[in-house]
């Protein structure tokens, strides 16, 4: 089978298992796509993505996609003979400064709250918790993306959200922007931003509204 570059739309994607199906542009066939067949992309596949791919025959005798890439998330493809190469997407300086500004903006309130908490209670727990959990959460994101590319068993979303809730949400945010992982999955983003809102409301209450939520949280923890 000649390695012709084809194009189709991703109609099915099972993110937890790392595979799905591409509907060819002429609608004549559905082609199996495994996550390991995607080359040089930092974007997690989503239903509706336009996939460029070649065809190959797998060990099971069925036609599979290979040498695939998501059209809008790579630089222009360069055809070389019967195969193709892709210019690797880079993290542009503008995006870097934008990320720094977003991180500064999101971390300002928790940082002030954590410092105020440490000064008034003589307990630096949050000053330690946030950096440590953010580092752990970032590492889990990176590990999950690596596993996805290799087609291995994934880090569960519940585990990622738990780490975010325990203070690692800022590390999760940086990982989403820097690694471009979990940033387009709507259901994941909804839970993530609810967790961020919980932390921000917690510190707003601590600094400005009489600490009612903080006292409630402490009473619940002490009872537990």
N, C-alpha and C. Protein backbone atom coordinates (compact mmCIF):
# COMPACT_ATOMS: atom_id res chain seq x y z
N UNK A 1 0.85 -1.20 0.00
CA UNK A 1 0.00 0.00 0.00
C UNK A 1 0.89 1.24 0.00
N UNK A 2 0.73 2.10 -0.97
CA UNK A 2 1.54 3.30 -1.07
C UNK A 2 1.23 4.27 0.08
N UNK A 3 2.28 4.86 0.69
CA UNK A 3 2.08 5.76 1.83
C UNK A 3 1.58 7.14 1.39
N UNK A 4 0.34 7.22 0.98
CA UNK A 4 -0.26 8.48 0.54
C UNK A 4 -0.80 9.24 1.75
N UNK A 5 -0.57 10.53 1.80
CA UNK A 5 -1.08 11.35 2.90
C UNK A 5 -2.57 11.60 2.70
N UNK A 6 -3.37 11.24 3.69
CA UNK A 6 -4.82 11.37 3.61
C UNK A 6 -5.32 12.29 4.70
N UNK A 7 -6.61 12.60 4.64
CA UNK A 7 -7.19 13.51 5.63
C UNK A 7 -8.59 13.02 6.00
N UNK A 8 -8.95 13.17 7.27
CA UNK A 8 -10.27 12.79 7.73
C UNK A 8 -10.58 13.44 9.07
N UNK A 9 -11.76 13.19 9.59
CA UNK A 9 -12.19 13.79 10.87
C UNK A 9 -12.30 12.72 11.93
N UNK A 10 -11.82 13.05 13.13
CA UNK A 10 -11.91 12.12 14.25
C UNK A 10 -13.35 12.07 14.75
N UNK A 11 -14.01 10.94 14.57
CA UNK A 11 -15.42 10.81 14.94
C UNK A 11 -15.62 10.12 16.27
N UNK A 12 -14.63 9.33 16.69
CA UNK A 12 -14.69 8.63 17.97
C UNK A 12 -13.33 8.70 18.63
N UNK A 13 -13.30 9.01 19.94
CA UNK A 13 -12.04 9.01 20.66
C UNK A 13 -12.25 8.57 22.10
N UNK A 14 -11.59 7.48 22.50
CA UNK A 14 -11.65 6.97 23.86
C UNK A 14 -10.36 7.38 24.55
N UNK A 15 -10.42 8.50 25.25
CA UNK A 15 -9.22 9.11 25.81
C UNK A 15 -8.55 8.22 26.85
N UNK A 16 -9.34 7.50 27.63
CA UNK A 16 -8.76 6.65 28.67
C UNK A 16 -8.03 5.44 28.10
N UNK A 17 -8.38 5.03 26.87
CA UNK A 17 -7.75 3.87 26.25
C UNK A 17 -6.77 4.26 25.14
N UNK A 18 -6.84 5.53 24.72
CA UNK A 18 -5.87 6.01 23.76
C UNK A 18 -6.08 5.59 22.33
N UNK A 19 -7.33 5.43 21.92
CA UNK A 19 -7.57 5.13 20.52
C UNK A 19 -8.93 5.65 20.08
N UNK A 20 -9.13 5.69 18.76
CA UNK A 20 -10.41 6.15 18.22
C UNK A 20 -10.47 5.83 16.73
N UNK A 21 -11.40 6.49 16.02
CA UNK A 21 -11.59 6.21 14.60
C UNK A 21 -11.69 7.51 13.81
N UNK A 22 -11.07 7.49 12.63
CA UNK A 22 -11.10 8.63 11.71
C UNK A 22 -12.06 8.31 10.57
N UNK A 23 -12.97 9.22 10.29
CA UNK A 23 -13.82 9.10 9.10
C UNK A 23 -13.10 9.79 7.94
N UNK A 24 -12.78 9.03 6.89
CA UNK A 24 -12.05 9.59 5.76
C UNK A 24 -12.83 10.74 5.13
N UNK A 25 -12.12 11.63 4.46
CA UNK A 25 -12.73 12.84 3.92
C UNK A 25 -13.84 12.54 2.91
N UNK A 26 -13.74 11.41 2.21
CA UNK A 26 -14.80 11.05 1.26
C UNK A 26 -15.89 10.21 1.90
N UNK A 27 -15.74 9.92 3.21
CA UNK A 27 -16.76 9.17 3.93
C UNK A 27 -16.83 7.71 3.60
N UNK A 28 -15.80 7.20 2.93
CA UNK A 28 -15.86 5.81 2.45
C UNK A 28 -15.47 4.80 3.51
N UNK A 29 -14.70 5.21 4.56
CA UNK A 29 -14.26 4.23 5.55
C UNK A 29 -13.94 4.91 6.89
N UNK A 30 -13.98 4.11 7.94
CA UNK A 30 -13.54 4.53 9.27
C UNK A 30 -12.21 3.84 9.55
N UNK A 31 -11.21 4.62 9.89
CA UNK A 31 -9.85 4.10 10.06
C UNK A 31 -9.47 4.14 11.54
N UNK A 32 -8.94 3.05 12.05
CA UNK A 32 -8.50 2.96 13.44
C UNK A 32 -7.27 3.83 13.66
N UNK A 33 -7.28 4.60 14.75
CA UNK A 33 -6.15 5.46 15.12
C UNK A 33 -5.76 5.20 16.56
N UNK A 34 -4.50 4.83 16.79
CA UNK A 34 -3.97 4.68 18.14
C UNK A 34 -3.13 5.90 18.48
N UNK A 35 -3.08 6.25 19.76
CA UNK A 35 -2.38 7.45 20.20
C UNK A 35 -0.91 7.43 19.77
N UNK A 36 -0.32 6.25 19.69
CA UNK A 36 1.09 6.14 19.32
C UNK A 36 1.33 6.46 17.84
N UNK A 37 0.26 6.51 17.04
CA UNK A 37 0.40 6.83 15.62
C UNK A 37 0.50 8.33 15.39
N UNK A 38 0.18 9.13 16.42
CA UNK A 38 0.26 10.59 16.30
C UNK A 38 1.68 11.06 16.51
N UNK A 39 2.16 11.86 15.60
CA UNK A 39 3.55 12.32 15.65
C UNK A 39 3.62 13.83 15.87
N UNK A 40 4.60 14.24 16.69
CA UNK A 40 4.95 15.65 16.84
C UNK A 40 3.76 16.55 17.11
N UNK A 41 3.00 16.23 18.15
CA UNK A 41 1.90 17.11 18.54
C UNK A 41 1.78 17.13 20.05
N UNK A 42 1.51 18.30 20.62
CA UNK A 42 1.31 18.44 22.05
C UNK A 42 -0.16 18.54 22.41
N UNK A 43 -1.01 18.33 21.42
CA UNK A 43 -2.46 18.46 21.63
C UNK A 43 -3.09 17.09 21.80
N UNK A 44 -3.92 16.95 22.82
CA UNK A 44 -4.63 15.70 23.04
C UNK A 44 -5.78 15.60 22.05
N UNK A 45 -5.93 14.47 21.36
CA UNK A 45 -7.01 14.35 20.35
C UNK A 45 -8.39 14.58 20.94
N UNK A 46 -9.25 15.21 20.15
CA UNK A 46 -10.64 15.47 20.51
C UNK A 46 -11.52 15.11 19.32
N UNK A 47 -12.74 14.65 19.61
CA UNK A 47 -13.69 14.38 18.53
C UNK A 47 -13.91 15.66 17.73
N UNK A 48 -13.82 15.55 16.41
CA UNK A 48 -13.97 16.71 15.55
C UNK A 48 -12.65 17.21 14.99
N UNK A 49 -11.52 16.77 15.57
CA UNK A 49 -10.22 17.19 15.05
C UNK A 49 -10.02 16.66 13.63
N UNK A 50 -9.36 17.45 12.80
CA UNK A 50 -9.00 17.02 11.45
C UNK A 50 -7.64 16.34 11.51
N UNK A 51 -7.58 15.09 11.08
CA UNK A 51 -6.37 14.28 11.17
C UNK A 51 -5.81 14.04 9.77
N UNK A 52 -4.52 14.29 9.61
CA UNK A 52 -3.81 13.89 8.41
C UNK A 52 -3.05 12.60 8.74
N UNK A 53 -3.09 11.65 7.86
CA UNK A 53 -2.54 10.33 8.20
C UNK A 53 -2.18 9.54 6.95
N UNK A 54 -1.42 8.48 7.16
CA UNK A 54 -1.15 7.48 6.14
C UNK A 54 -1.79 6.17 6.57
N UNK A 55 -1.90 5.24 5.68
CA UNK A 55 -2.51 3.95 5.98
C UNK A 55 -1.45 2.86 6.03
N UNK A 56 -1.67 1.92 6.93
CA UNK A 56 -0.81 0.75 7.02
C UNK A 56 -1.67 -0.44 7.42
N UNK A 57 -1.17 -1.63 7.20
CA UNK A 57 -1.89 -2.84 7.58
C UNK A 57 -1.29 -3.36 8.89
N UNK A 58 -2.12 -3.46 9.92
CA UNK A 58 -1.65 -3.91 11.22
C UNK A 58 -1.45 -5.41 11.29
N UNK A 59 -0.98 -5.88 12.44
CA UNK A 59 -0.74 -7.31 12.63
C UNK A 59 -2.03 -8.12 12.57
N UNK A 60 -3.15 -7.43 12.85
CA UNK A 60 -4.43 -8.12 12.79
C UNK A 60 -5.00 -8.18 11.37
N UNK A 61 -4.24 -7.63 10.40
CA UNK A 61 -4.68 -7.66 9.02
C UNK A 61 -5.62 -6.54 8.65
N UNK A 62 -5.92 -5.65 9.61
CA UNK A 62 -6.83 -4.54 9.35
C UNK A 62 -6.05 -3.27 9.06
N UNK A 63 -6.72 -2.33 8.40
CA UNK A 63 -6.09 -1.07 8.04
C UNK A 63 -6.08 -0.12 9.24
N UNK A 64 -4.91 0.42 9.54
CA UNK A 64 -4.74 1.36 10.64
C UNK A 64 -4.15 2.66 10.09
N UNK A 65 -4.33 3.74 10.85
CA UNK A 65 -3.67 5.01 10.53
C UNK A 65 -2.26 4.99 11.12
N UNK A 66 -1.34 5.61 10.41
CA UNK A 66 0.03 5.74 10.92
C UNK A 66 0.58 7.10 10.49
N UNK A 67 1.71 7.51 11.11
CA UNK A 67 2.34 8.80 10.78
C UNK A 67 1.30 9.92 10.73
N UNK A 68 0.46 9.97 11.74
CA UNK A 68 -0.67 10.90 11.75
C UNK A 68 -0.31 12.18 12.52
N UNK A 69 -1.01 13.25 12.20
CA UNK A 69 -0.89 14.48 12.98
C UNK A 69 -2.20 15.25 12.90
N UNK A 70 -2.45 16.06 13.92
CA UNK A 70 -3.66 16.87 13.97
C UNK A 70 -3.38 18.17 13.21
N UNK A 71 -4.16 18.43 12.20
CA UNK A 71 -3.85 19.45 11.21
C UNK A 71 -3.58 20.83 11.80
N UNK A 72 -4.44 21.30 12.69
CA UNK A 72 -4.33 22.69 13.14
C UNK A 72 -3.35 22.89 14.28
N UNK A 73 -2.73 21.81 14.79
CA UNK A 73 -1.86 21.94 15.94
C UNK A 73 -0.40 21.62 15.63
N UNK A 74 -0.03 21.67 14.36
CA UNK A 74 1.36 21.52 13.99
C UNK A 74 1.71 22.61 13.00
N UNK A 75 2.98 22.86 12.84
CA UNK A 75 3.40 23.77 11.80
C UNK A 75 3.20 23.08 10.46
N UNK A 76 3.39 23.80 9.36
CA UNK A 76 3.10 23.26 8.05
C UNK A 76 3.88 21.97 7.79
N UNK A 77 3.24 20.92 7.27
CA UNK A 77 3.93 19.68 6.96
C UNK A 77 4.78 19.82 5.71
N UNK A 78 5.92 19.16 5.71
CA UNK A 78 6.81 19.21 4.57
C UNK A 78 6.87 17.83 3.95
N UNK A 79 6.41 17.67 2.71
CA UNK A 79 6.40 16.39 2.03
C UNK A 79 7.80 16.05 1.56
N UNK A 80 8.24 14.84 1.84
CA UNK A 80 9.54 14.37 1.40
C UNK A 80 9.34 13.03 0.73
N UNK A 81 9.32 13.01 -0.60
CA UNK A 81 9.08 11.78 -1.32
C UNK A 81 7.69 11.27 -1.03
N UNK A 82 7.61 10.01 -0.55
CA UNK A 82 6.32 9.41 -0.25
C UNK A 82 5.95 9.54 1.21
N UNK A 83 6.83 10.13 2.03
CA UNK A 83 6.56 10.31 3.45
C UNK A 83 6.54 11.80 3.75
N UNK A 84 6.37 12.16 5.04
CA UNK A 84 6.36 13.57 5.40
C UNK A 84 7.02 13.79 6.74
N UNK A 85 7.52 15.02 6.91
CA UNK A 85 8.09 15.43 8.19
C UNK A 85 7.32 16.62 8.67
N UNK A 86 7.37 16.88 9.97
CA UNK A 86 6.61 17.97 10.56
C UNK A 86 7.54 18.82 11.40
N UNK A 87 7.45 20.12 11.20
CA UNK A 87 8.21 21.03 12.03
C UNK A 87 7.61 21.03 13.43
N UNK A 88 8.43 20.82 14.41
CA UNK A 88 7.96 20.70 15.78
C UNK A 88 7.47 22.04 16.29
N UNK A 89 6.32 22.00 16.94
CA UNK A 89 5.75 23.23 17.50
C UNK A 89 6.59 23.67 18.68
N UNK A 90 6.88 24.93 18.77
CA UNK A 90 7.70 25.45 19.85
C UNK A 90 6.88 26.34 20.76
N UNK A 91 7.38 26.51 21.97
CA UNK A 91 6.70 27.35 22.93
C UNK A 91 7.21 28.77 22.73
N UNK A 92 6.42 29.63 22.10
CA UNK A 92 6.85 30.95 21.70
C UNK A 92 7.07 31.87 22.91
N UNK A 93 7.99 32.84 22.77
CA UNK A 93 8.26 33.77 23.88
C UNK A 93 7.02 34.51 24.35
N UNK A 94 6.15 34.93 23.41
CA UNK A 94 4.93 35.63 23.80
C UNK A 94 4.05 34.77 24.69
N UNK A 95 3.95 33.49 24.33
CA UNK A 95 3.15 32.56 25.13
C UNK A 95 3.78 32.39 26.51
N UNK A 96 5.11 32.40 26.57
CA UNK A 96 5.81 32.26 27.85
C UNK A 96 5.48 33.42 28.78
N UNK A 97 5.56 34.65 28.25
CA UNK A 97 5.27 35.82 29.09
C UNK A 97 3.80 35.87 29.47
N UNK A 98 2.93 35.43 28.56
CA UNK A 98 1.50 35.37 28.87
C UNK A 98 1.24 34.40 30.00
N UNK A 99 1.92 33.26 29.97
CA UNK A 99 1.77 32.26 31.03
C UNK A 99 2.25 32.81 32.36
N UNK A 100 3.38 33.50 32.34
CA UNK A 100 3.92 34.09 33.58
C UNK A 100 2.93 35.08 34.19
N UNK A 101 2.31 35.89 33.34
CA UNK A 101 1.34 36.87 33.82
C UNK A 101 0.12 36.17 34.41
N UNK A 102 -0.38 35.14 33.73
CA UNK A 102 -1.55 34.40 34.21
C UNK A 102 -1.26 33.72 35.54
N UNK A 103 -0.07 33.12 35.66
CA UNK A 103 0.31 32.46 36.92
C UNK A 103 0.40 33.48 38.05
N UNK A 104 1.01 34.63 37.77
CA UNK A 104 1.13 35.68 38.77
C UNK A 104 -0.25 36.16 39.23
N UNK A 105 -1.15 36.33 38.28
CA UNK A 105 -2.49 36.83 38.59
C UNK A 105 -3.26 35.82 39.45
N UNK A 106 -3.18 34.53 39.07
CA UNK A 106 -3.92 33.50 39.80
C UNK A 106 -3.33 33.23 41.18
N UNK A 107 -2.01 33.38 41.30
CA UNK A 107 -1.36 33.02 42.57
C UNK A 107 -1.31 34.17 43.56
N UNK A 108 -1.67 35.39 43.14
CA UNK A 108 -1.54 36.56 44.01
C UNK A 108 -2.37 36.43 45.28
N UNK A 109 -3.66 36.13 45.12
CA UNK A 109 -4.54 36.02 46.28
C UNK A 109 -4.14 34.87 47.20
N UNK A 110 -3.92 33.64 46.68
CA UNK A 110 -3.48 32.56 47.56
C UNK A 110 -2.15 32.84 48.25
N UNK A 111 -1.23 33.52 47.55
CA UNK A 111 0.07 33.83 48.16
C UNK A 111 -0.10 34.81 49.33
N UNK A 112 -0.91 35.85 49.13
CA UNK A 112 -1.17 36.80 50.21
C UNK A 112 -1.88 36.12 51.38
N UNK A 113 -2.86 35.28 51.04
CA UNK A 113 -3.59 34.57 52.09
C UNK A 113 -2.71 33.62 52.86
N UNK A 114 -1.84 32.89 52.16
CA UNK A 114 -0.95 31.93 52.82
C UNK A 114 0.05 32.65 53.73
N UNK A 115 0.56 33.79 53.27
CA UNK A 115 1.49 34.56 54.10
C UNK A 115 0.79 35.14 55.33
N UNK A 116 -0.43 35.64 55.13
CA UNK A 116 -1.19 36.18 56.26
C UNK A 116 -1.53 35.08 57.26
N UNK A 117 -1.87 33.90 56.74
CA UNK A 117 -2.17 32.75 57.60
C UNK A 117 -0.94 32.38 58.43
N UNK A 118 0.23 32.36 57.78
CA UNK A 118 1.46 32.00 58.48
C UNK A 118 1.82 33.01 59.57
N UNK A 119 1.59 34.29 59.29
CA UNK A 119 1.94 35.34 60.25
C UNK A 119 0.98 35.38 61.43
N UNK A 120 -0.29 35.10 61.19
CA UNK A 120 -1.30 35.21 62.27
C UNK A 120 -1.45 33.92 63.08
N UNK A 121 -1.12 32.80 62.49
CA UNK A 121 -1.28 31.51 63.20
C UNK A 121 0.05 30.85 63.51
N UNK A 122 1.14 31.45 63.00
CA UNK A 122 2.48 30.88 63.16
C UNK A 122 2.55 29.46 62.60
N UNK A 123 1.80 29.26 61.53
CA UNK A 123 1.75 27.94 60.89
C UNK A 123 2.01 28.12 59.39
N UNK A 124 3.17 27.71 58.87
CA UNK A 124 3.50 27.93 57.45
C UNK A 124 3.01 26.82 56.53
N UNK A 125 2.00 26.07 56.97
CA UNK A 125 1.57 24.89 56.22
C UNK A 125 1.25 25.20 54.77
N UNK A 126 0.52 26.29 54.51
CA UNK A 126 0.12 26.59 53.13
C UNK A 126 1.29 27.08 52.28
N UNK A 127 2.27 27.74 52.92
CA UNK A 127 3.46 28.18 52.19
C UNK A 127 4.28 26.98 51.70
N UNK A 128 4.14 25.87 52.41
CA UNK A 128 4.83 24.63 52.01
C UNK A 128 3.95 23.80 51.09
N UNK A 129 2.64 23.74 51.43
CA UNK A 129 1.72 22.86 50.71
C UNK A 129 1.58 23.23 49.24
N UNK A 130 1.39 24.51 48.95
CA UNK A 130 1.16 24.92 47.56
C UNK A 130 2.33 24.58 46.63
N UNK A 131 3.56 24.96 46.97
CA UNK A 131 4.68 24.62 46.07
C UNK A 131 4.88 23.11 45.91
N UNK A 132 4.79 22.37 47.03
CA UNK A 132 5.02 20.92 46.97
C UNK A 132 3.95 20.23 46.12
N UNK A 133 2.68 20.55 46.37
CA UNK A 133 1.60 19.90 45.63
C UNK A 133 1.58 20.35 44.17
N UNK A 134 1.96 21.59 43.91
CA UNK A 134 2.04 22.05 42.53
C UNK A 134 3.10 21.29 41.76
N UNK A 135 4.24 21.05 42.40
CA UNK A 135 5.31 20.28 41.76
C UNK A 135 4.85 18.85 41.48
N UNK A 136 4.19 18.23 42.46
CA UNK A 136 3.70 16.85 42.30
C UNK A 136 2.66 16.79 41.18
N UNK A 137 1.75 17.76 41.16
CA UNK A 137 0.69 17.77 40.15
C UNK A 137 1.26 17.97 38.75
N UNK A 138 2.22 18.87 38.61
CA UNK A 138 2.87 19.08 37.31
C UNK A 138 3.53 17.79 36.84
N UNK A 139 4.21 17.12 37.76
CA UNK A 139 4.88 15.86 37.42
C UNK A 139 3.88 14.80 36.97
N UNK A 140 2.71 14.76 37.62
CA UNK A 140 1.68 13.79 37.24
C UNK A 140 1.12 14.10 35.86
N UNK A 141 0.93 15.38 35.55
CA UNK A 141 0.48 15.77 34.21
C UNK A 141 1.49 15.31 33.16
N UNK A 142 2.77 15.57 33.42
CA UNK A 142 3.82 15.19 32.47
C UNK A 142 3.87 13.68 32.30
N UNK A 143 3.73 12.96 33.40
CA UNK A 143 3.73 11.49 33.34
C UNK A 143 2.52 10.98 32.55
N UNK A 144 1.36 11.60 32.77
CA UNK A 144 0.15 11.18 32.07
C UNK A 144 0.28 11.41 30.57
N UNK A 145 0.86 12.54 30.19
CA UNK A 145 1.04 12.82 28.76
C UNK A 145 2.01 11.84 28.14
N UNK A 146 3.07 11.52 28.86
CA UNK A 146 4.04 10.55 28.36
C UNK A 146 3.39 9.18 28.19
N UNK A 147 2.58 8.78 29.16
CA UNK A 147 1.87 7.50 29.07
C UNK A 147 0.91 7.48 27.89
N UNK A 148 0.24 8.61 27.66
CA UNK A 148 -0.70 8.68 26.55
C UNK A 148 0.00 8.49 25.21
N UNK A 149 1.17 9.13 25.06
CA UNK A 149 1.92 9.01 23.82
C UNK A 149 2.41 7.58 23.58
N UNK A 150 2.71 6.88 24.68
CA UNK A 150 3.23 5.53 24.56
C UNK A 150 2.13 4.47 24.57
N UNK A 151 0.88 4.92 24.73
CA UNK A 151 -0.24 3.99 24.76
C UNK A 151 -0.30 3.16 26.03
N UNK A 152 0.28 3.67 27.11
CA UNK A 152 0.30 2.94 28.39
C UNK A 152 -0.90 3.34 29.25
N UNK A 153 -1.07 2.64 30.37
CA UNK A 153 -2.16 2.93 31.30
C UNK A 153 -2.04 4.34 31.84
N UNK A 154 -3.15 5.09 31.82
CA UNK A 154 -3.13 6.52 32.13
C UNK A 154 -3.26 6.80 33.63
N UNK A 155 -2.80 8.00 34.03
CA UNK A 155 -3.06 8.53 35.37
C UNK A 155 -4.53 8.95 35.40
N UNK A 156 -5.27 8.50 36.41
CA UNK A 156 -6.70 8.77 36.45
C UNK A 156 -6.97 10.26 36.67
N UNK A 157 -8.06 10.74 36.09
CA UNK A 157 -8.44 12.15 36.26
C UNK A 157 -8.79 12.44 37.71
N UNK A 158 -9.36 11.46 38.42
CA UNK A 158 -9.69 11.65 39.83
C UNK A 158 -8.43 11.93 40.65
N UNK A 159 -7.36 11.23 40.32
CA UNK A 159 -6.10 11.44 41.03
C UNK A 159 -5.55 12.83 40.75
N UNK A 160 -5.62 13.27 39.50
CA UNK A 160 -5.15 14.60 39.15
C UNK A 160 -5.97 15.68 39.87
N UNK A 161 -7.30 15.52 39.87
CA UNK A 161 -8.16 16.50 40.53
C UNK A 161 -7.93 16.51 42.05
N UNK A 162 -7.67 15.35 42.63
CA UNK A 162 -7.42 15.28 44.07
C UNK A 162 -6.16 16.07 44.42
N UNK A 163 -5.12 15.90 43.61
CA UNK A 163 -3.88 16.65 43.84
C UNK A 163 -4.11 18.15 43.66
N UNK A 164 -4.93 18.53 42.70
CA UNK A 164 -5.26 19.94 42.49
C UNK A 164 -6.01 20.49 43.70
N UNK A 165 -6.96 19.73 44.20
CA UNK A 165 -7.75 20.15 45.35
C UNK A 165 -6.88 20.31 46.60
N UNK A 166 -5.86 19.47 46.72
CA UNK A 166 -4.97 19.50 47.89
C UNK A 166 -3.93 20.62 47.79
N UNK A 167 -4.05 21.46 46.76
CA UNK A 167 -3.16 22.61 46.66
C UNK A 167 -2.32 22.65 45.40
N UNK A 168 -2.43 21.62 44.56
CA UNK A 168 -1.59 21.57 43.37
C UNK A 168 -2.22 22.14 42.12
N UNK A 169 -3.32 22.90 42.27
CA UNK A 169 -4.03 23.41 41.09
C UNK A 169 -3.18 24.36 40.25
N UNK A 170 -2.29 25.11 40.91
CA UNK A 170 -1.44 26.03 40.14
C UNK A 170 -0.45 25.25 39.26
N UNK A 171 0.08 24.16 39.80
CA UNK A 171 0.94 23.31 39.01
C UNK A 171 0.18 22.68 37.86
N UNK A 172 -1.10 22.33 38.11
CA UNK A 172 -1.94 21.80 37.05
C UNK A 172 -2.19 22.82 35.96
N UNK A 173 -2.41 24.07 36.37
CA UNK A 173 -2.64 25.14 35.39
C UNK A 173 -1.41 25.34 34.51
N UNK A 174 -0.23 25.38 35.14
CA UNK A 174 1.01 25.55 34.38
C UNK A 174 1.21 24.39 33.41
N UNK A 175 0.92 23.17 33.88
CA UNK A 175 1.08 21.99 33.03
C UNK A 175 0.14 22.04 31.83
N UNK A 176 -1.09 22.48 32.07
CA UNK A 176 -2.06 22.58 30.97
C UNK A 176 -1.57 23.54 29.90
N UNK A 177 -1.01 24.67 30.31
CA UNK A 177 -0.54 25.67 29.36
C UNK A 177 0.81 25.27 28.75
N UNK A 178 1.70 24.78 29.59
CA UNK A 178 3.06 24.48 29.11
C UNK A 178 3.10 23.18 28.30
N UNK A 179 2.42 22.16 28.78
CA UNK A 179 2.45 20.85 28.12
C UNK A 179 1.30 20.66 27.15
N UNK A 180 0.32 21.59 27.21
CA UNK A 180 -0.88 21.49 26.38
C UNK A 180 -1.57 20.14 26.58
N UNK A 181 -1.82 19.86 27.83
CA UNK A 181 -2.43 18.59 28.21
C UNK A 181 -3.65 18.86 29.07
N UNK A 182 -4.76 18.22 28.75
CA UNK A 182 -6.04 18.36 29.46
C UNK A 182 -6.65 19.75 29.30
N UNK A 183 -6.13 20.54 28.38
CA UNK A 183 -6.59 21.93 28.28
C UNK A 183 -7.82 22.10 27.40
N UNK A 184 -8.20 21.08 26.63
CA UNK A 184 -9.35 21.23 25.74
C UNK A 184 -10.51 20.29 26.09
N UNK A 185 -10.33 19.48 27.10
CA UNK A 185 -11.40 18.57 27.51
C UNK A 185 -12.35 19.33 28.44
N UNK A 186 -13.54 19.61 27.96
CA UNK A 186 -14.47 20.50 28.66
C UNK A 186 -14.83 19.97 30.04
N UNK A 187 -15.17 18.69 30.13
CA UNK A 187 -15.58 18.12 31.43
C UNK A 187 -14.45 18.22 32.45
N UNK A 188 -13.22 18.05 32.00
CA UNK A 188 -12.08 18.16 32.91
C UNK A 188 -11.89 19.60 33.35
N UNK A 189 -12.01 20.53 32.40
CA UNK A 189 -11.82 21.95 32.70
C UNK A 189 -12.86 22.48 33.68
N UNK A 190 -14.09 21.99 33.57
CA UNK A 190 -15.14 22.43 34.49
C UNK A 190 -14.76 22.09 35.92
N UNK A 191 -14.35 20.84 36.16
CA UNK A 191 -13.96 20.41 37.51
C UNK A 191 -12.73 21.18 37.97
N UNK A 192 -11.77 21.36 37.07
CA UNK A 192 -10.54 22.06 37.43
C UNK A 192 -10.83 23.48 37.91
N UNK A 193 -11.66 24.22 37.17
CA UNK A 193 -11.91 25.61 37.54
C UNK A 193 -12.81 25.73 38.76
N UNK A 194 -13.62 24.72 39.02
CA UNK A 194 -14.38 24.70 40.28
C UNK A 194 -13.40 24.58 41.45
N UNK A 195 -12.38 23.73 41.30
CA UNK A 195 -11.35 23.58 42.34
C UNK A 195 -10.60 24.90 42.55
N UNK A 196 -10.24 25.57 41.46
CA UNK A 196 -9.56 26.87 41.57
C UNK A 196 -10.45 27.87 42.31
N UNK A 197 -11.74 27.89 41.95
CA UNK A 197 -12.68 28.81 42.59
C UNK A 197 -12.80 28.54 44.08
N UNK A 198 -12.79 27.27 44.47
CA UNK A 198 -12.87 26.91 45.89
C UNK A 198 -11.69 27.51 46.66
N UNK A 199 -10.49 27.40 46.09
CA UNK A 199 -9.30 27.94 46.76
C UNK A 199 -9.34 29.46 46.83
N UNK A 200 -9.77 30.09 45.76
CA UNK A 200 -9.82 31.56 45.76
C UNK A 200 -10.87 32.08 46.74
N UNK A 201 -12.03 31.42 46.78
CA UNK A 201 -13.08 31.82 47.73
C UNK A 201 -12.61 31.62 49.16
N UNK A 202 -11.88 30.52 49.39
CA UNK A 202 -11.33 30.23 50.71
C UNK A 202 -10.46 31.39 51.20
N UNK A 203 -9.58 31.88 50.33
CA UNK A 203 -8.66 32.95 50.74
C UNK A 203 -9.35 34.32 50.78
N UNK A 204 -10.35 34.52 49.94
CA UNK A 204 -11.15 35.74 50.03
C UNK A 204 -11.84 35.80 51.39
N UNK A 205 -12.38 34.68 51.79
CA UNK A 205 -13.06 34.61 53.09
C UNK A 205 -12.07 34.86 54.23
N UNK A 206 -10.89 34.27 54.12
CA UNK A 206 -9.88 34.42 55.16
C UNK A 206 -9.43 35.88 55.31
N UNK A 207 -9.24 36.55 54.20
CA UNK A 207 -8.68 37.90 54.23
C UNK A 207 -9.72 39.00 54.46
N UNK A 208 -10.96 38.77 53.96
CA UNK A 208 -11.90 39.90 53.92
C UNK A 208 -13.27 39.66 54.56
N UNK A 209 -13.68 38.43 54.78
CA UNK A 209 -15.07 38.17 55.17
C UNK A 209 -15.24 37.40 56.47
N UNK A 210 -14.38 37.65 57.42
CA UNK A 210 -14.60 37.11 58.76
C UNK A 210 -14.25 35.66 58.94
N UNK A 211 -13.68 35.04 57.97
CA UNK A 211 -13.15 33.68 58.09
C UNK A 211 -14.21 32.64 58.41
N UNK A 212 -15.44 32.85 57.96
CA UNK A 212 -16.51 31.88 58.27
C UNK A 212 -16.24 30.53 57.60
N UNK A 213 -15.85 30.57 56.32
CA UNK A 213 -15.57 29.32 55.61
C UNK A 213 -14.35 28.61 56.19
N UNK A 214 -13.37 29.39 56.59
CA UNK A 214 -12.17 28.80 57.18
C UNK A 214 -12.50 28.09 58.48
N UNK A 215 -13.29 28.75 59.33
CA UNK A 215 -13.69 28.14 60.60
C UNK A 215 -14.51 26.87 60.37
N UNK A 216 -15.39 26.91 59.36
CA UNK A 216 -16.19 25.73 59.03
C UNK A 216 -15.30 24.59 58.55
N UNK A 217 -14.32 24.93 57.73
CA UNK A 217 -13.39 23.92 57.21
C UNK A 217 -12.60 23.29 58.36
N UNK A 218 -12.10 24.13 59.27
CA UNK A 218 -11.31 23.62 60.39
C UNK A 218 -12.16 22.73 61.29
N UNK A 219 -13.42 23.12 61.52
CA UNK A 219 -14.30 22.31 62.37
C UNK A 219 -14.59 20.95 61.73
N UNK A 220 -14.77 20.94 60.39
CA UNK A 220 -15.03 19.68 59.69
C UNK A 220 -13.82 18.76 59.77
N UNK A 221 -12.62 19.35 59.57
CA UNK A 221 -11.38 18.55 59.62
C UNK A 221 -11.16 18.00 61.02
N UNK A 222 -11.43 18.84 62.04
CA UNK A 222 -11.21 18.39 63.43
C UNK A 222 -12.16 17.27 63.81
N UNK A 223 -13.39 17.33 63.29
CA UNK A 223 -14.35 16.27 63.57
C UNK A 223 -13.97 14.97 62.87
N UNK A 224 -13.41 15.12 61.61
CA UNK A 224 -13.01 13.96 60.84
C UNK A 224 -11.80 13.27 61.43
